[in-house]
Protein backbone atom coordinates (compact mmCIF):
# COMPACT_ATOMS: atom_id res chain seq x y z
CA UNK A 1 -19.05 -71.71 -22.31
CA UNK A 2 -22.52 -71.56 -20.80
CA UNK A 3 -23.24 -68.09 -19.36
CA UNK A 4 -23.60 -68.02 -15.63
CA UNK A 5 -27.01 -67.76 -14.11
CA UNK A 6 -27.38 -64.23 -12.77
CA UNK A 7 -30.08 -62.84 -10.53
CA UNK A 8 -31.57 -59.40 -10.93
CA UNK A 9 -34.33 -57.71 -9.00
CA UNK A 10 -36.90 -56.33 -11.41
CA UNK A 11 -39.99 -54.22 -10.97
CA UNK A 12 -38.59 -52.84 -7.72
CA UNK A 13 -41.55 -50.58 -7.14
CA UNK A 14 -45.05 -50.14 -8.46
CA UNK A 15 -46.47 -46.72 -9.26
CA UNK A 16 -48.38 -45.76 -6.13
CA UNK A 17 -50.98 -43.11 -5.41
CA UNK A 18 -49.57 -39.99 -3.75
CA UNK A 19 -50.85 -36.69 -2.45
CA UNK A 20 -50.13 -33.57 -4.48
CA UNK A 21 -47.62 -31.01 -3.29
CA UNK A 22 -49.10 -28.50 -0.90
CA UNK A 23 -49.91 -25.33 -2.80
CA UNK A 24 -48.13 -22.15 -1.91
CA UNK A 25 -45.60 -23.88 0.34
CA UNK A 26 -48.11 -24.97 2.98
CA UNK A 27 -46.87 -26.61 6.16
CA UNK A 28 -47.85 -30.13 5.08
CA UNK A 29 -49.24 -31.98 2.07
CA UNK A 30 -52.99 -32.51 1.89
CA UNK A 31 -54.13 -35.86 3.22
CA UNK A 32 -54.95 -38.14 0.23
CA UNK A 33 -58.14 -40.14 -0.04
CA UNK A 34 -58.05 -43.67 1.45
CA UNK A 35 -57.09 -46.42 -0.97
CA UNK A 36 -56.08 -50.09 -0.55
CA UNK A 37 -52.47 -51.12 0.04
CA UNK A 38 -50.22 -51.35 -3.00
CA UNK A 39 -50.04 -54.85 -4.45
CA UNK A 40 -49.28 -56.94 -7.53
CA UNK A 41 -51.93 -59.62 -7.06
CA UNK A 42 -49.59 -61.94 -5.15
CA UNK A 43 -48.77 -59.73 -2.16
CA UNK A 44 -49.44 -56.20 -0.95
CA UNK A 45 -47.56 -53.66 1.12
CA UNK A 46 -49.07 -50.78 3.05
CA UNK A 47 -49.44 -49.00 6.38
CA UNK A 48 -51.06 -50.92 9.23
CA UNK A 49 -53.25 -49.64 12.06
CA UNK A 50 -53.86 -50.70 15.66
CA UNK A 51 -56.83 -52.94 14.83
CA UNK A 52 -54.77 -55.18 12.56
CA UNK A 53 -56.78 -54.19 9.50
CA UNK A 54 -55.45 -52.21 6.56
CA UNK A 55 -54.99 -48.58 7.44
CA UNK A 56 -57.04 -46.06 5.51
CA UNK A 57 -53.98 -44.37 4.01
CA UNK A 58 -52.17 -45.05 0.75
CA UNK A 59 -48.68 -44.29 2.05
CA UNK A 60 -46.64 -43.32 5.07
CA UNK A 61 -46.68 -39.59 5.74
CA UNK A 62 -44.65 -38.00 8.53
CA UNK A 63 -43.74 -34.48 9.63
CA UNK A 64 -41.04 -34.03 12.24
CA UNK A 65 -38.06 -31.83 13.12
CA UNK A 66 -34.41 -32.86 12.63
CA UNK A 67 -33.19 -35.30 15.29
CA UNK A 68 -36.65 -36.79 15.84
CA UNK A 69 -37.46 -40.52 15.65
CA UNK A 70 -40.85 -41.60 14.33
CA UNK A 71 -42.33 -45.08 14.49
CA UNK A 72 -44.87 -46.91 12.37
CA UNK A 73 -45.85 -50.39 11.19
CA UNK A 74 -45.87 -51.84 7.69
CA UNK A 75 -48.30 -54.64 6.86
CA UNK A 76 -47.26 -57.33 4.33
CA UNK A 77 -50.09 -59.55 3.05
CA UNK A 78 -49.46 -62.82 1.22
CA UNK A 79 -52.35 -63.38 -1.21
CA UNK A 80 -51.08 -66.68 -2.62
CA UNK A 81 -51.52 -70.32 -1.58
CA UNK A 82 -47.83 -70.80 -0.71
CA UNK A 83 -45.49 -69.19 1.83
CA UNK A 84 -43.31 -66.33 0.63
CA UNK A 85 -40.04 -65.14 2.14
CA UNK A 86 -39.41 -61.45 1.64
CA UNK A 87 -36.50 -59.12 1.91
CA UNK A 88 -37.70 -55.88 3.49
CA UNK A 89 -35.71 -52.69 3.13
CA UNK A 90 -36.07 -48.95 3.13
CA UNK A 91 -34.94 -47.04 0.07
CA UNK A 92 -35.01 -43.69 -1.73
CA UNK A 93 -37.40 -42.60 -4.46
CA UNK A 94 -36.51 -41.10 -7.82
CA UNK A 95 -38.09 -40.05 -11.11
CA UNK A 96 -37.53 -42.22 -14.17
CA UNK A 97 -35.54 -40.16 -16.69
CA UNK A 98 -37.89 -40.45 -19.67
CA UNK A 99 -41.41 -40.14 -18.28
CA UNK A 100 -40.99 -38.75 -14.73
CA UNK A 101 -42.56 -41.90 -13.29
CA UNK A 102 -42.24 -42.57 -9.55
CA UNK A 103 -39.79 -45.38 -8.77
CA UNK A 104 -37.89 -46.80 -5.80
CA UNK A 105 -34.24 -47.84 -5.73
CA UNK A 106 -33.43 -51.55 -5.78
CA UNK A 107 -32.00 -53.52 -2.87
CA UNK A 108 -28.56 -53.42 -4.52
CA UNK A 109 -28.46 -49.60 -4.44
CA UNK A 110 -27.31 -47.89 -1.26
CA UNK A 111 -29.86 -45.33 -0.01
CA UNK A 112 -28.52 -41.86 0.73
CA UNK A 113 -31.60 -40.08 2.02
CA UNK A 114 -34.75 -41.13 3.84
CA UNK A 115 -34.22 -44.78 2.89
CA UNK A 116 -31.02 -44.82 4.97
CA UNK A 117 -32.93 -43.53 7.99
CA UNK A 118 -35.42 -46.46 8.02
CA UNK A 119 -34.76 -49.46 10.28
CA UNK A 120 -37.10 -52.47 10.11
CA UNK A 121 -37.50 -54.84 13.04
CA UNK A 122 -37.51 -57.86 10.70
CA UNK A 123 -35.60 -57.77 7.44
CA UNK A 124 -36.55 -61.17 6.00
CA UNK A 125 -39.96 -62.41 7.21
CA UNK A 126 -41.66 -65.55 5.87
CA UNK A 127 -45.40 -65.05 5.57
CA UNK A 128 -47.73 -68.09 5.42
CA UNK A 129 -50.31 -68.47 2.63
CA UNK A 130 -53.23 -66.04 2.69
CA UNK A 131 -52.08 -64.28 5.82
CA UNK A 132 -50.43 -61.04 6.83
CA UNK A 133 -47.66 -59.88 9.11
CA UNK A 134 -47.05 -56.48 10.60
CA UNK A 135 -43.45 -55.30 10.84
CA UNK A 136 -42.62 -52.28 13.06
CA UNK A 137 -40.01 -49.83 11.85
CA UNK A 138 -38.37 -46.63 12.98
CA UNK A 139 -37.36 -43.58 10.98
CA UNK A 140 -34.52 -41.69 12.69
CA UNK A 141 -34.13 -38.23 11.23
CA UNK A 142 -30.54 -36.98 11.48
CA UNK A 143 -29.91 -33.79 13.40
CA UNK A 144 -28.47 -32.21 10.26
CA UNK A 145 -31.33 -33.25 7.95
CA UNK A 146 -32.24 -30.49 5.51
CA UNK A 147 -35.74 -28.95 5.67
CA UNK A 148 -38.31 -29.98 3.12
CA UNK A 149 -39.60 -33.22 1.66
CA UNK A 150 -37.63 -36.47 1.69
CA UNK A 151 -39.33 -39.24 -0.23
CA UNK A 152 -38.67 -42.98 -0.33
CA UNK A 153 -40.40 -46.25 0.43
CA UNK A 154 -40.55 -49.55 2.28
CA UNK A 155 -40.11 -52.40 -0.19
CA UNK A 156 -41.00 -56.10 0.08
CA UNK A 157 -38.87 -58.09 -2.37
CA UNK A 158 -39.70 -61.74 -3.03
CA UNK A 159 -36.44 -63.63 -2.49
CA UNK A 160 -37.53 -66.41 -4.87
CA UNK A 161 -36.78 -66.23 -8.59
CA UNK A 162 -40.14 -66.10 -10.37
CA UNK A 163 -38.97 -66.26 -13.99
CA UNK A 164 -35.84 -66.44 -16.13
CA UNK A 165 -35.11 -64.25 -19.14
CA UNK A 166 -32.33 -64.09 -21.71
CA UNK A 167 -30.38 -60.84 -21.69
CA UNK A 168 -27.15 -60.25 -23.61
CA UNK A 169 -26.37 -63.95 -23.84
CA UNK A 170 -26.89 -64.52 -20.11
CA UNK A 171 -29.81 -65.98 -18.21
CA UNK A 172 -31.26 -63.41 -15.82
CA UNK A 173 -33.45 -64.42 -12.92
CA UNK A 174 -36.29 -61.97 -12.24
CA UNK A 175 -37.59 -61.21 -8.77
CA UNK A 176 -40.58 -58.98 -8.12
CA UNK A 177 -40.99 -56.31 -5.47
CA UNK A 178 -43.75 -54.04 -4.20
CA UNK A 179 -43.15 -50.82 -2.31
CA UNK A 180 -45.19 -48.48 -0.12
CA UNK A 181 -44.26 -44.83 -0.38
CA UNK A 182 -42.80 -42.86 2.53
CA UNK A 183 -43.28 -39.08 2.55
CA UNK A 184 -41.26 -37.28 5.21
CA UNK A 185 -41.50 -33.54 5.71
CA UNK A 186 -38.61 -32.26 7.81
CA UNK A 187 -39.63 -29.09 9.62
CA UNK A 188 -38.35 -25.87 8.11
CA UNK A 189 -39.04 -23.54 5.20
CA UNK A 190 -40.20 -24.92 1.87
CA UNK A 191 -38.36 -23.44 -1.10
CA UNK A 192 -40.00 -24.66 -4.31
CA UNK A 193 -38.03 -24.24 -7.51
CA UNK A 194 -37.87 -25.51 -11.09
CA UNK A 195 -35.47 -25.14 -13.99
CA UNK A 196 -35.63 -26.02 -17.68
CA UNK A 197 -32.27 -27.21 -19.05
CA UNK A 198 -31.00 -28.08 -22.51
CA UNK A 199 -33.93 -26.85 -24.58
CA UNK A 200 -33.28 -27.74 -28.22
CA UNK A 201 -34.92 -28.85 -31.46
CA UNK A 202 -33.73 -31.72 -33.65
CA UNK A 203 -35.05 -31.43 -37.22
CA UNK A 204 -35.31 -33.59 -40.29
CA UNK A 205 -35.89 -31.25 -43.24
CA UNK A 206 -37.79 -32.57 -46.29
CA UNK A 207 -36.08 -33.16 -49.61
CA UNK A 208 -38.68 -31.05 -51.42
CA UNK A 209 -39.54 -28.08 -49.18
CA UNK A 210 -43.00 -26.48 -49.28
CA UNK A 211 -44.31 -29.77 -50.72
CA UNK A 212 -43.27 -32.35 -48.14
CA UNK A 213 -43.63 -31.94 -44.37
CA UNK A 214 -40.59 -31.55 -42.15
CA UNK A 215 -40.35 -33.33 -38.80
CA UNK A 216 -38.72 -32.38 -35.56
CA UNK A 217 -38.43 -33.20 -31.85
CA UNK A 218 -38.32 -30.69 -29.02
CA UNK A 219 -36.24 -31.82 -26.04
CA UNK A 220 -35.72 -30.26 -22.64
CA UNK A 221 -34.99 -31.38 -19.10
CA UNK A 222 -37.11 -30.41 -16.10
CA UNK A 223 -35.08 -30.08 -12.89
CA UNK A 224 -36.59 -29.71 -9.42
CA UNK A 225 -34.18 -27.30 -7.73
CA UNK A 226 -36.24 -26.92 -4.54
CA UNK A 227 -37.05 -29.07 -1.52
CA UNK A 228 -40.69 -29.80 -2.38
CA UNK A 229 -42.17 -32.15 -4.98
CA UNK A 230 -43.85 -30.32 -7.84
CA UNK A 231 -46.21 -31.14 -10.69
CA UNK A 232 -45.86 -28.26 -13.16
CA UNK A 233 -48.05 -27.43 -16.12
CA UNK A 234 -45.99 -26.96 -19.28
CA UNK A 235 -46.90 -24.70 -22.20
CA UNK A 236 -44.92 -24.91 -25.45
CA UNK A 237 -45.31 -22.77 -28.56
CA UNK A 238 -43.30 -21.86 -31.65
CA UNK A 239 -43.29 -18.49 -33.37
CA UNK A 240 -41.77 -17.38 -36.65
CA UNK A 241 -40.53 -14.11 -38.09
CA UNK A 242 -42.33 -10.99 -36.81
CA UNK A 243 -43.74 -12.99 -33.87
CA UNK A 244 -46.45 -14.84 -35.78
CA UNK A 245 -47.47 -18.13 -34.16
CA UNK A 246 -46.50 -21.28 -36.06
CA UNK A 247 -47.66 -23.94 -33.62
CA UNK A 248 -48.97 -24.23 -30.07
CA UNK A 249 -49.00 -27.58 -28.28
CA UNK A 250 -51.71 -28.49 -25.76
CA UNK A 251 -50.88 -27.67 -22.14
CA UNK A 252 -49.41 -30.68 -20.34
CA UNK A 253 -49.45 -31.48 -16.62
CA UNK A 254 -46.28 -33.35 -15.68
CA UNK A 255 -46.17 -36.02 -12.97
CA UNK A 256 -44.64 -35.07 -9.64
CA UNK A 257 -40.96 -34.19 -9.94
CA UNK A 258 -39.26 -35.07 -6.66
CA UNK A 259 -36.78 -32.71 -4.96
CA UNK A 260 -33.38 -32.86 -6.64
CA UNK A 261 -34.67 -35.05 -9.47
CA UNK A 262 -34.78 -34.38 -13.21
CA UNK A 263 -36.60 -35.85 -16.18
CA UNK A 264 -36.23 -35.38 -19.93
CA UNK A 265 -39.30 -34.36 -21.90
CA UNK A 266 -39.62 -34.98 -25.66
CA UNK A 267 -42.29 -33.45 -27.85
CA UNK A 268 -42.81 -34.50 -31.50
CA UNK A 269 -43.29 -31.78 -34.09
CA UNK A 270 -44.79 -32.60 -37.48
CA UNK A 271 -44.76 -29.87 -40.10
CA UNK A 272 -41.70 -27.84 -39.18
CA UNK A 273 -41.37 -24.73 -41.39
CA UNK A 274 -39.26 -24.90 -44.54
CA UNK A 275 -38.04 -21.29 -44.48
CA UNK A 276 -38.24 -19.16 -41.35
CA UNK A 277 -36.56 -17.87 -38.20
CA UNK A 278 -38.19 -19.90 -35.43
CA UNK A 279 -38.33 -19.32 -31.68
CA UNK A 280 -39.50 -22.16 -29.42
CA UNK A 281 -40.66 -21.11 -25.95
CA UNK A 282 -41.30 -23.37 -22.95
CA UNK A 283 -43.13 -22.08 -19.87
CA UNK A 284 -43.63 -24.07 -16.66
CA UNK A 285 -46.05 -22.89 -13.97
CA UNK A 286 -46.67 -24.57 -10.62
CA UNK A 287 -48.02 -23.91 -7.14
CA UNK A 288 -46.11 -21.45 -5.02
CA UNK A 289 -45.83 -18.80 -7.71
CA UNK A 290 -43.43 -20.80 -9.87
CA UNK A 291 -43.19 -19.47 -13.44
CA UNK A 292 -40.12 -20.66 -15.36
CA UNK A 293 -39.42 -19.81 -18.99
CA UNK A 294 -36.84 -20.95 -21.53
CA UNK A 295 -36.45 -20.42 -25.25
CA UNK A 296 -34.28 -21.40 -28.19
CA UNK A 297 -34.03 -19.98 -31.71
CA UNK A 298 -32.99 -21.41 -35.05
CA UNK A 299 -33.15 -20.41 -38.70
CA UNK A 300 -34.47 -22.77 -41.36
CA UNK A 301 -33.10 -22.39 -44.88
CA UNK A 302 -33.75 -25.07 -47.56
CA UNK A 303 -30.14 -25.05 -48.79
CA UNK A 304 -30.52 -28.06 -51.07
CA UNK A 305 -33.51 -26.54 -52.83
CA UNK A 306 -31.81 -23.14 -53.11
CA UNK A 307 -28.62 -24.64 -54.52
CA UNK A 308 -30.67 -26.64 -56.99
CA UNK A 309 -32.53 -23.49 -58.04
CA UNK A 310 -29.29 -21.51 -58.43
CA UNK A 311 -27.81 -24.33 -60.48
CA UNK A 312 -30.86 -24.40 -62.72
CA UNK A 313 -30.77 -20.62 -63.20
CA UNK A 314 -27.06 -20.73 -64.03
CA UNK A 315 -27.65 -23.55 -66.48
CA UNK A 316 -30.46 -21.67 -68.20
CA UNK A 317 -28.50 -18.40 -68.22
CA UNK A 318 -25.39 -19.93 -69.75
CA UNK A 319 -26.85 -22.53 -72.12
CA UNK A 320 -30.15 -21.11 -73.32
CA UNK A 321 -28.70 -18.12 -75.28
CA UNK A 322 -26.40 -20.47 -77.17
CA UNK A 323 -29.27 -22.77 -78.03
CA UNK A 324 -31.35 -19.84 -79.24
CA UNK A 325 -28.47 -18.51 -81.37
CA UNK A 326 -27.88 -21.93 -82.91
CA UNK A 327 -31.55 -22.34 -83.70
CA UNK A 328 -31.70 -18.91 -85.33
CA UNK A 329 -28.61 -19.71 -87.39
CA UNK A 330 -30.14 -22.92 -88.67
CA UNK A 331 -33.41 -21.19 -89.45
CA UNK A 332 -31.60 -18.46 -91.34
CA UNK A 333 -32.95 -15.79 -89.07
CA UNK A 334 -29.62 -14.35 -88.13
CA UNK A 335 -29.07 -11.06 -90.04
CA UNK A 336 -26.00 -10.97 -92.27
CA UNK A 337 -23.67 -8.06 -92.05
CA UNK A 338 -23.13 -6.02 -95.22
CA UNK A 339 -20.72 -3.20 -95.72
CA UNK A 340 -19.38 -0.70 -98.28
CA UNK A 341 -15.73 -0.99 -99.05
CA UNK A 342 -13.96 2.14 -100.20
């Protein structure tokens, strides 16, 4: 039976420029430098201004108390030679699990945070070729909204299927989307926080230790436990017995981890020790006095090599004397016993 034609929204959000978290828990994030609206070459999405031209801001940035309603306008520009019908919606942002990339939820996912507070005046506009349309929207902050940063976006999804791919025996229609980020700071105290979970090392020991190189992978999960986005610097090092340093990895600046989000970090390790007691330490430092540390310890013993060595020693110890005795007997070197009988 022919698989049914299924439609999936892909590329729901592009990676957009964003301002860094305000250091030291400042009242608001620093205003980023002006950049063009986010686009994919066929259409773009970004804030509009009163003159009808593109606003000199890369994203929407608001600061308001709980219960407040803010208003703004999103500008959708069709750069192609044909009309495009869009589906506009507000949604929440998240970090991709593997690389901490910024992403926006798809239209099929129900928003639970700032995306649910966004109401667009027109949800499905058709924009003529090489023209733009400005769509007003409101952001109604609930009275019980928690203080801190709430991050999402306004997404323009092309309702037309642009390509078809095969996936798991089914034909999947692909639709593209572009999103403009929305940064909302709800008035109240900022409480930055980070945590490192599940630090561990997976190893593949060499068959011939001290001759071949072992390999390993360090894994840990970075969790943003606060209400402010953070971009920590991570330092990782491994020490052996008596505290001597085995390896130190270059410092790494992670992308922004959004409030409540987590991402898994993997770090390859070539040349793991063949015999040692190893401690791996991870330290994360960020603005606001954040300094988080985690460590794990393991002991490396080349059991296969040791068992082989013990077996060889046992073999030599038990067999070699017999071989020597036999050789001496054949060579006539074994002294003969003589005695006096009375």
